[in-house]
Amino acid sequence: MYELTDKGHAAFRSWLTAPSSYPSLRALRDDLPRLEALCDTFEERAHAIPHRTKAIVLELSLVRRLLSAHRDWIDDVERELGTPS
């Protein structure tokens, strides 16, 4: 069995108190319109590639569903944990 040394415990506590580099929920939500606009742009461009249009549009429908699920998840997190100020 492994155990942390005093130095290891101190390093772990220091790591826990360090600011996270993970984006905030607000940053994640704020990025969704840009990603949705990219989908619109790619769909418009897809029509210039007739032999691939259907596949591209289907792929973009998945991306749009994932973006919608992402937005719903952010709503759930904010509802459960509160909106950060």
Protein backbone atom coordinates (compact mmCIF):
# COMPACT_ATOMS: atom_id res chain seq x y z
CA MET A 1 0.00 0.00 0.00
CA TYR A 2 1.23 3.47 -0.88
CA GLU A 3 0.95 6.52 1.34
CA LEU A 4 1.70 10.15 0.68
CA THR A 5 4.60 11.66 2.53
CA ASP A 6 4.23 14.98 4.34
CA LYS A 7 5.81 16.62 1.31
CA GLY A 8 3.31 14.80 -0.93
CA HIS A 9 0.36 15.96 1.18
CA ALA A 10 1.63 19.55 1.03
CA ALA A 11 2.02 19.36 -2.75
CA PHE A 12 -1.50 17.92 -3.08
CA ARG A 13 -3.02 20.65 -0.90
CA SER A 14 -1.19 23.27 -2.96
CA TRP A 15 -2.52 21.75 -6.18
CA LEU A 16 -6.09 21.73 -4.82
CA THR A 17 -5.97 25.43 -3.95
CA ALA A 18 -4.48 26.49 -7.31
CA PRO A 19 -6.90 28.11 -9.77
CA SER A 20 -8.27 25.74 -12.37
CA SER A 21 -7.28 26.22 -15.97
CA TYR A 22 -10.58 24.66 -17.06
CA PRO A 23 -12.86 27.24 -18.70
CA SER A 24 -15.73 28.63 -16.69
CA LEU A 25 -19.32 27.69 -17.48
CA ARG A 26 -19.83 31.24 -18.72
CA ALA A 27 -16.92 30.85 -21.16
CA LEU A 28 -18.32 27.54 -22.36
CA ARG A 29 -21.79 29.05 -22.85
CA ASP A 30 -20.39 32.16 -24.52
CA ASP A 31 -18.60 30.01 -27.11
CA LEU A 32 -21.76 28.19 -28.26
CA PRO A 33 -23.05 30.93 -30.62
CA ARG A 34 -19.68 31.02 -32.41
CA LEU A 35 -19.77 27.26 -32.87
CA GLU A 36 -23.37 27.37 -34.09
CA ALA A 37 -22.43 30.08 -36.60
CA LEU A 38 -19.59 27.86 -37.85
CA CYS A 39 -22.12 25.09 -38.45
CA ASP A 40 -24.21 27.51 -40.51
CA THR A 41 -21.17 28.54 -42.54
CA PHE A 42 -20.10 24.95 -43.16
CA GLU A 43 -23.62 23.99 -44.23
CA GLU A 44 -23.74 26.87 -46.72
CA ARG A 45 -20.38 25.76 -48.12
CA ALA A 46 -21.51 22.14 -48.28
CA HIS A 47 -23.87 22.96 -51.12
CA ALA A 48 -20.84 23.74 -53.29
CA ILE A 49 -19.82 20.07 -52.99
CA PRO A 50 -22.86 18.22 -54.40
CA HIS A 51 -21.47 14.72 -53.97
CA ARG A 52 -20.77 15.39 -50.25
CA THR A 53 -23.62 17.74 -49.33
CA LYS A 54 -25.86 15.11 -47.76
CA ALA A 55 -23.08 13.63 -45.61
CA ILE A 56 -21.87 17.04 -44.46
CA VAL A 57 -25.39 18.16 -43.54
CA LEU A 58 -25.92 14.94 -41.57
CA GLU A 59 -22.62 15.42 -39.73
CA LEU A 60 -23.55 18.99 -38.92
CA SER A 61 -26.91 17.84 -37.55
CA LEU A 62 -24.95 15.73 -35.03
CA VAL A 63 -22.76 18.70 -34.12
CA ARG A 64 -25.84 20.87 -33.58
CA ARG A 65 -27.39 18.20 -31.35
CA LEU A 66 -24.17 18.00 -29.32
CA LEU A 67 -24.11 21.79 -28.94
CA SER A 68 -27.72 21.71 -27.77
CA ALA A 69 -26.91 18.96 -25.27
CA HIS A 70 -23.94 21.02 -24.10
CA ARG A 71 -26.19 24.03 -23.52
CA ASP A 72 -28.71 21.85 -21.66
CA TRP A 73 -25.91 20.44 -19.47
CA ILE A 74 -24.68 23.94 -18.59
CA ASP A 75 -28.28 24.87 -17.68
CA ASP A 76 -28.48 21.78 -15.42
CA VAL A 77 -25.19 22.57 -13.69
CA GLU A 78 -26.17 26.19 -13.09
CA ARG A 79 -29.59 25.14 -11.81
CA GLU A 80 -28.08 22.59 -9.41
CA LEU A 81 -25.00 24.53 -8.28
CA GLY A 82 -26.03 28.12 -8.90
CA THR A 83 -24.78 30.61 -11.45
CA PRO A 84 -21.28 31.88 -10.74
CA SER A 85 -21.06 35.64 -10.24
